[in-house]
Amino acid sequence: MKKIFALFIILISSSVFADWMEDPCVLFNEKGTKCTYTIDDVKLIISPNGEVVFNKAKLQVNLPEHFEIEEVRDGQIFGDTVFLSLAITDHESGGTVIISMSLQNKKINWSREFPAFNSSPLLIHENELYIGGIGRVAKYSALDGKLVWELKGLYERETQAFNGFNKPVISGDSVEFPESKVSTAKYSGIRKVVVNRKTGKLVSS
């Protein structure tokens, strides 16, 4: 029985390791490799130092000093614009950088730091961009990347709630940030942070 259990653990570990090795966009800076990330038919080659190459154009993402790109968290295309969410690290702390790129002009429209890790997929609704991360949710302008509002300090140490979020959802005048259950909490069920889209005021959590 012990041998069967040990073999089962090895198979699971091998499967997880194989999946990790097949995805060059997760922790790729630790392997010293570049990440090839494809959205629809657009192929992006991303380096840990922030260089992004597509259609023979080389673009440079502004990163905080001593930080590298650790992981591609999300990527979406709307018309001519590519939106990317990139996890960054200085090997002691982490955060997220959001960038907007023009496919036609082959340039970076804007880049903004979202100071949280475990970032959610992006929600882009009309000219609004929403994102959540550990203990924090925010709204940016999709046009110029300016911060519209943010709520922070949401993480609950006792319950471990709001350690991370799934993709935000528009609900009337509000936007909902459902937690992703990244860590094990002491309660059952999924909680969510609900915020008024216009004012940024907390509706419920």
C-alpha atoms as a PDB file:
ATOM      1  CA  MET A   1       0.000   0.000   0.000  1.00  0.00           C
ATOM      2  CA  LYS A   2       2.840   2.373   0.890  1.00  0.00           C
ATOM      3  CA  LYS A   3       4.540   1.621  -2.445  1.00  0.00           C
ATOM      4  CA  ILE A   4       1.338   2.407  -4.370  1.00  0.00           C
ATOM      5  CA  PHE A   5       0.887   5.662  -2.464  1.00  0.00           C
ATOM      6  CA  ALA A   6       4.516   6.655  -3.099  1.00  0.00           C
ATOM      7  CA  LEU A   7       4.127   5.898  -6.815  1.00  0.00           C
ATOM      8  CA  PHE A   8       0.935   7.994  -6.910  1.00  0.00           C
ATOM      9  CA  ILE A   9       2.766  10.947  -5.341  1.00  0.00           C
ATOM     10  CA  ILE A  10       5.611  10.610  -7.856  1.00  0.00           C
ATOM     11  CA  LEU A  11       3.187  10.558 -10.789  1.00  0.00           C
ATOM     12  CA  ILE A  12       1.363  13.648  -9.529  1.00  0.00           C
ATOM     13  CA  SER A  13       4.614  15.481  -8.904  1.00  0.00           C
ATOM     14  CA  SER A  14       5.908  14.526 -12.342  1.00  0.00           C
ATOM     15  CA  SER A  15       2.691  15.723 -13.975  1.00  0.00           C
ATOM     16  CA  VAL A  16       2.821  19.057 -12.165  1.00  0.00           C
ATOM     17  CA  PHE A  17       6.494  19.459 -13.021  1.00  0.00           C
ATOM     18  CA  ALA A  18       5.805  18.628 -16.683  1.00  0.00           C
ATOM     19  CA  ASP A  19       2.996  21.166 -16.885  1.00  0.00           C
ATOM     20  CA  TRP A  20       5.285  23.797 -15.316  1.00  0.00           C
ATOM     21  CA  MET A  21       8.076  22.998 -17.815  1.00  0.00           C
ATOM     22  CA  GLU A  22       5.670  23.216 -20.773  1.00  0.00           C
ATOM     23  CA  ASP A  23       4.565  26.731 -19.826  1.00  0.00           C
ATOM     24  CA  PRO A  24       7.516  29.077 -20.514  1.00  0.00           C
ATOM     25  CA  CYS A  25       5.559  32.059 -19.193  1.00  0.00           C
ATOM     26  CA  VAL A  26       5.483  30.923 -15.567  1.00  0.00           C
ATOM     27  CA  LEU A  27       8.557  31.722 -13.454  1.00  0.00           C
ATOM     28  CA  PHE A  28      10.538  31.964 -16.683  1.00  0.00           C
ATOM     29  CA  ASN A  29      13.093  34.350 -15.221  1.00  0.00           C
ATOM     30  CA  GLU A  30      14.287  31.562 -12.932  1.00  0.00           C
ATOM     31  CA  LYS A  31      15.054  29.395 -15.954  1.00  0.00           C
ATOM     32  CA  GLY A  32      16.910  32.133 -17.786  1.00  0.00           C
ATOM     33  CA  THR A  33      14.663  31.800 -20.818  1.00  0.00           C
ATOM     34  CA  LYS A  34      12.425  34.056 -22.849  1.00  0.00           C
ATOM     35  CA  CYS A  35       8.677  33.580 -22.848  1.00  0.00           C
ATOM     36  CA  THR A  36       6.717  33.073 -26.060  1.00  0.00           C
ATOM     37  CA  TYR A  37       3.166  34.174 -25.344  1.00  0.00           C
ATOM     38  CA  THR A  38       0.449  33.980 -28.022  1.00  0.00           C
ATOM     39  CA  ILE A  39      -2.884  35.816 -27.938  1.00  0.00           C
ATOM     40  CA  ASP A  40      -5.092  34.849 -30.871  1.00  0.00           C
ATOM     41  CA  ASP A  41      -2.618  35.076 -33.782  1.00  0.00           C
ATOM     42  CA  VAL A  42      -0.269  37.577 -32.160  1.00  0.00           C
ATOM     43  CA  LYS A  43       2.998  36.090 -30.888  1.00  0.00           C
ATOM     44  CA  LEU A  44       4.917  38.018 -28.240  1.00  0.00           C
ATOM     45  CA  ILE A  45       8.433  37.153 -27.076  1.00  0.00           C
ATOM     46  CA  ILE A  46       8.927  38.520 -23.570  1.00  0.00           C
ATOM     47  CA  SER A  47      12.223  38.698 -21.670  1.00  0.00           C
ATOM     48  CA  PRO A  48      12.594  39.013 -17.888  1.00  0.00           C
ATOM     49  CA  ASN A  49      14.205  42.451 -18.343  1.00  0.00           C
ATOM     50  CA  GLY A  50      10.991  43.820 -19.886  1.00  0.00           C
ATOM     51  CA  GLU A  51      11.819  43.539 -23.583  1.00  0.00           C
ATOM     52  CA  VAL A  52       8.799  42.611 -25.709  1.00  0.00           C
ATOM     53  CA  VAL A  53       9.271  41.607 -29.353  1.00  0.00           C
ATOM     54  CA  PHE A  54       6.481  41.207 -31.898  1.00  0.00           C
ATOM     55  CA  ASN A  55       6.375  41.639 -35.679  1.00  0.00           C
ATOM     56  CA  LYS A  56      10.132  42.424 -35.584  1.00  0.00           C
ATOM     57  CA  ALA A  57       9.533  45.403 -33.287  1.00  0.00           C
ATOM     58  CA  LYS A  58      11.422  45.588 -29.971  1.00  0.00           C
ATOM     59  CA  LEU A  59       9.648  47.399 -27.148  1.00  0.00           C
ATOM     60  CA  GLN A  60      10.811  48.017 -23.596  1.00  0.00           C
ATOM     61  CA  VAL A  61       8.488  47.874 -20.597  1.00  0.00           C
ATOM     62  CA  ASN A  62       9.451  50.216 -17.769  1.00  0.00           C
ATOM     63  CA  LEU A  63      10.008  48.118 -14.657  1.00  0.00           C
ATOM     64  CA  PRO A  64      10.755  49.287 -11.122  1.00  0.00           C
ATOM     65  CA  GLU A  65      14.473  49.262 -10.326  1.00  0.00           C
ATOM     66  CA  HIS A  66      15.878  45.772  -9.631  1.00  0.00           C
ATOM     67  CA  PHE A  67      12.614  44.088 -10.706  1.00  0.00           C
ATOM     68  CA  GLU A  68      12.176  41.431 -13.400  1.00  0.00           C
ATOM     69  CA  ILE A  69       9.153  39.920 -15.097  1.00  0.00           C
ATOM     70  CA  GLU A  70       8.348  36.655 -13.378  1.00  0.00           C
ATOM     71  CA  GLU A  71       5.156  35.534 -15.084  1.00  0.00           C
ATOM     72  CA  VAL A  72       2.579  36.543 -17.684  1.00  0.00           C
ATOM     73  CA  ARG A  73      -0.671  36.664 -15.714  1.00  0.00           C
ATOM     74  CA  ASP A  74      -3.077  37.644 -18.492  1.00  0.00           C
ATOM     75  CA  GLY A  75      -3.243  38.930 -22.054  1.00  0.00           C
ATOM     76  CA  GLN A  76      -6.161  40.263 -24.095  1.00  0.00           C
ATOM     77  CA  ILE A  77      -6.606  41.966 -27.462  1.00  0.00           C
ATOM     78  CA  PHE A  78      -9.246  44.596 -28.188  1.00  0.00           C
ATOM     79  CA  GLY A  79      -9.107  45.920 -31.728  1.00  0.00           C
ATOM     80  CA  ASP A  80      -5.596  47.295 -32.248  1.00  0.00           C
ATOM     81  CA  THR A  81      -4.659  47.158 -28.569  1.00  0.00           C
ATOM     82  CA  VAL A  82      -2.939  44.419 -26.583  1.00  0.00           C
ATOM     83  CA  PHE A  83      -3.325  44.487 -22.804  1.00  0.00           C
ATOM     84  CA  LEU A  84      -0.877  42.479 -20.709  1.00  0.00           C
ATOM     85  CA  SER A  85      -0.696  41.846 -16.990  1.00  0.00           C
ATOM     86  CA  LEU A  86       2.813  40.845 -15.878  1.00  0.00           C
ATOM     87  CA  ALA A  87       3.882  39.587 -12.455  1.00  0.00           C
ATOM     88  CA  ILE A  88       7.174  41.169 -11.399  1.00  0.00           C
ATOM     89  CA  THR A  89       9.651  40.412  -8.631  1.00  0.00           C
ATOM     90  CA  ASP A  90      12.924  41.572  -7.113  1.00  0.00           C
ATOM     91  CA  HIS A  91      13.210  38.117  -5.493  1.00  0.00           C
ATOM     92  CA  GLU A  92      12.107  39.545  -2.156  1.00  0.00           C
ATOM     93  CA  SER A  93       8.748  41.109  -3.001  1.00  0.00           C
ATOM     94  CA  GLY A  94       6.343  41.105  -5.912  1.00  0.00           C
ATOM     95  CA  GLY A  95       3.816  43.168  -7.797  1.00  0.00           C
ATOM     96  CA  THR A  96       2.162  43.566 -11.175  1.00  0.00           C
ATOM     97  CA  VAL A  97       2.723  45.753 -14.231  1.00  0.00           C
ATOM     98  CA  ILE A  98      -0.125  46.388 -16.685  1.00  0.00           C
ATOM     99  CA  ILE A  99       0.779  47.481 -20.203  1.00  0.00           C
ATOM    100  CA  SER A 100      -1.155  48.604 -23.260  1.00  0.00           C
ATOM    101  CA  MET A 101       0.448  48.134 -26.691  1.00  0.00           C
ATOM    102  CA  SER A 102      -0.583  49.248 -30.176  1.00  0.00           C
ATOM    103  CA  LEU A 103      -0.298  46.517 -32.793  1.00  0.00           C
ATOM    104  CA  GLN A 104      -0.480  48.939 -35.695  1.00  0.00           C
ATOM    105  CA  ASN A 105       2.015  51.493 -34.403  1.00  0.00           C
ATOM    106  CA  LYS A 106       4.165  48.866 -32.691  1.00  0.00           C
ATOM    107  CA  LYS A 107       4.581  50.922 -29.537  1.00  0.00           C
ATOM    108  CA  ILE A 108       3.683  50.848 -25.870  1.00  0.00           C
ATOM    109  CA  ASN A 109       0.767  53.184 -25.229  1.00  0.00           C
ATOM    110  CA  TRP A 110       1.225  53.120 -21.454  1.00  0.00           C
ATOM    111  CA  SER A 111       2.391  50.995 -18.551  1.00  0.00           C
ATOM    112  CA  ARG A 112       1.295  51.183 -14.918  1.00  0.00           C
ATOM    113  CA  GLU A 113       2.349  49.372 -11.776  1.00  0.00           C
ATOM    114  CA  PHE A 114      -0.388  47.655  -9.781  1.00  0.00           C
ATOM    115  CA  PRO A 115       1.246  47.150  -6.364  1.00  0.00           C
ATOM    116  CA  ALA A 116      -0.099  43.665  -5.606  1.00  0.00           C
ATOM    117  CA  PHE A 117       0.725  40.087  -6.529  1.00  0.00           C
ATOM    118  CA  ASN A 118      -1.696  37.184  -7.180  1.00  0.00           C
ATOM    119  CA  SER A 119      -3.299  39.507  -9.717  1.00  0.00           C
ATOM    120  CA  SER A 120      -6.594  38.556 -11.331  1.00  0.00           C
ATOM    121  CA  PRO A 121      -7.324  38.374 -15.061  1.00  0.00           C
ATOM    122  CA  LEU A 122      -8.076  41.805 -16.469  1.00  0.00           C
ATOM    123  CA  LEU A 123     -11.625  42.982 -17.047  1.00  0.00           C
ATOM    124  CA  ILE A 124     -11.828  45.564 -19.817  1.00  0.00           C
ATOM    125  CA  HIS A 125     -15.281  47.088 -20.152  1.00  0.00           C
ATOM    126  CA  GLU A 126     -15.709  49.972 -22.582  1.00  0.00           C
ATOM    127  CA  ASN A 127     -12.829  52.294 -21.579  1.00  0.00           C
ATOM    128  CA  GLU A 128     -12.525  50.865 -18.069  1.00  0.00           C
ATOM    129  CA  LEU A 129      -9.941  48.362 -16.829  1.00  0.00           C
ATOM    130  CA  TYR A 130     -10.413  46.450 -13.571  1.00  0.00           C
ATOM    131  CA  ILE A 131      -7.955  44.239 -11.707  1.00  0.00           C
ATOM    132  CA  GLY A 132      -7.634  42.628  -8.283  1.00  0.00           C
ATOM    133  CA  GLY A 133      -4.662  41.318  -6.304  1.00  0.00           C
ATOM    134  CA  ILE A 134      -3.864  40.298  -2.760  1.00  0.00           C
ATOM    135  CA  GLY A 135      -5.860  42.622  -0.511  1.00  0.00           C
ATOM    136  CA  ARG A 136      -6.424  45.216  -3.248  1.00  0.00           C
ATOM    137  CA  VAL A 137      -8.773  46.018  -6.165  1.00  0.00           C
ATOM    138  CA  ALA A 138      -8.527  48.886  -8.633  1.00  0.00           C
ATOM    139  CA  LYS A 139      -9.948  50.609 -11.677  1.00  0.00           C
ATOM    140  CA  TYR A 140      -7.784  52.206 -14.376  1.00  0.00           C
ATOM    141  CA  SER A 141      -8.555  54.059 -17.568  1.00  0.00           C
ATOM    142  CA  ALA A 142      -8.003  51.684 -20.476  1.00  0.00           C
ATOM    143  CA  LEU A 143      -7.217  54.705 -22.656  1.00  0.00           C
ATOM    144  CA  ASP A 144      -4.258  56.159 -20.762  1.00  0.00           C
ATOM    145  CA  GLY A 145      -3.715  53.860 -17.787  1.00  0.00           C
ATOM    146  CA  LYS A 146      -4.511  56.485 -15.164  1.00  0.00           C
ATOM    147  CA  LEU A 147      -5.690  55.176 -11.810  1.00  0.00           C
ATOM    148  CA  VAL A 148      -9.384  56.017 -11.289  1.00  0.00           C
ATOM    149  CA  TRP A 149      -9.786  54.451  -7.839  1.00  0.00           C
ATOM    150  CA  GLU A 150      -8.472  51.658  -5.657  1.00  0.00           C
ATOM    151  CA  LEU A 151      -9.385  49.904  -2.434  1.00  0.00           C
ATOM    152  CA  LYS A 152      -6.616  48.344  -0.353  1.00  0.00           C
ATOM    153  CA  GLY A 153      -6.208  46.644   2.997  1.00  0.00           C
ATOM    154  CA  LEU A 154      -8.819  44.016   2.082  1.00  0.00           C
ATOM    155  CA  TYR A 155      -6.798  40.946   3.048  1.00  0.00           C
ATOM    156  CA  GLU A 156      -8.015  39.306   6.248  1.00  0.00           C
ATOM    157  CA  ARG A 157      -5.255  37.525   8.177  1.00  0.00           C
ATOM    158  CA  GLU A 158      -7.617  35.535  10.366  1.00  0.00           C
ATOM    159  CA  THR A 159      -9.735  34.121   7.538  1.00  0.00           C
ATOM    160  CA  GLN A 160      -7.103  34.446   4.771  1.00  0.00           C
ATOM    161  CA  ALA A 161      -9.841  36.011   2.659  1.00  0.00           C
ATOM    162  CA  PHE A 162      -9.092  38.095  -0.441  1.00  0.00           C
ATOM    163  CA  ASN A 163      -5.639  36.654  -0.986  1.00  0.00           C
ATOM    164  CA  GLY A 164      -6.426  36.693  -4.709  1.00  0.00           C
ATOM    165  CA  PHE A 165      -9.298  37.247  -7.126  1.00  0.00           C
ATOM    166  CA  ASN A 166     -10.836  35.705 -10.205  1.00  0.00           C
ATOM    167  CA  LYS A 167     -11.793  37.897 -13.156  1.00  0.00           C
ATOM    168  CA  PRO A 168     -13.973  40.848 -12.077  1.00  0.00           C
ATOM    169  CA  VAL A 169     -17.598  40.937 -13.209  1.00  0.00           C
ATOM    170  CA  ILE A 170     -19.769  43.952 -14.073  1.00  0.00           C
ATOM    171  CA  SER A 171     -23.104  43.960 -12.239  1.00  0.00           C
ATOM    172  CA  GLY A 172     -25.172  47.064 -13.016  1.00  0.00           C
ATOM    173  CA  ASP A 173     -23.557  50.084 -11.388  1.00  0.00           C
ATOM    174  CA  SER A 174     -21.132  47.869  -9.483  1.00  0.00           C
ATOM    175  CA  VAL A 175     -18.146  45.672 -10.239  1.00  0.00           C
ATOM    176  CA  GLU A 176     -17.658  42.417  -8.355  1.00  0.00           C
ATOM    177  CA  PHE A 177     -14.283  40.911  -7.487  1.00  0.00           C
ATOM    178  CA  PRO A 178     -14.866  37.223  -6.545  1.00  0.00           C
ATOM    179  CA  GLU A 179     -12.023  35.733  -4.543  1.00  0.00           C
ATOM    180  CA  SER A 180     -10.038  32.946  -6.145  1.00  0.00           C
ATOM    181  CA  LYS A 181      -9.458  30.890  -2.993  1.00  0.00           C
ATOM    182  CA  VAL A 182      -5.695  30.889  -3.540  1.00  0.00           C
ATOM    183  CA  SER A 183      -5.188  29.915   0.096  1.00  0.00           C
ATOM    184  CA  THR A 184      -7.291  27.835   2.463  1.00  0.00           C
ATOM    185  CA  ALA A 185      -9.664  29.979   4.487  1.00  0.00           C
ATOM    186  CA  LYS A 186     -11.459  29.098   7.714  1.00  0.00           C
ATOM    187  CA  TYR A 187     -14.896  29.604   6.200  1.00  0.00           C
ATOM    188  CA  SER A 188     -16.888  27.870   3.479  1.00  0.00           C
ATOM    189  CA  GLY A 189     -17.979  29.450   0.226  1.00  0.00           C
ATOM    190  CA  ILE A 190     -16.588  32.133  -2.041  1.00  0.00           C
ATOM    191  CA  ARG A 191     -16.719  35.744  -0.929  1.00  0.00           C
ATOM    192  CA  LYS A 192     -16.500  38.796  -3.168  1.00  0.00           C
ATOM    193  CA  VAL A 193     -15.723  42.482  -2.956  1.00  0.00           C
ATOM    194  CA  VAL A 194     -18.429  44.630  -4.557  1.00  0.00           C
ATOM    195  CA  VAL A 195     -17.534  48.214  -5.486  1.00  0.00           C
ATOM    196  CA  ASN A 196     -19.480  51.070  -7.052  1.00  0.00           C
ATOM    197  CA  ARG A 197     -17.921  51.427 -10.501  1.00  0.00           C
ATOM    198  CA  LYS A 198     -18.126  55.209 -10.613  1.00  0.00           C
ATOM    199  CA  THR A 199     -17.293  56.282  -7.080  1.00  0.00           C
ATOM    200  CA  GLY A 200     -15.027  53.421  -5.998  1.00  0.00           C
ATOM    201  CA  LYS A 201     -16.937  53.093  -2.725  1.00  0.00           C
ATOM    202  CA  LEU A 202     -17.193  49.656  -1.150  1.00  0.00           C
ATOM    203  CA  VAL A 203     -20.709  48.234  -1.451  1.00  0.00           C
ATOM    204  CA  SER A 204     -20.119  44.923   0.319  1.00  0.00           C
ATOM    205  CA  SER A 205     -17.483  42.291   1.031  1.00  0.00           C
END
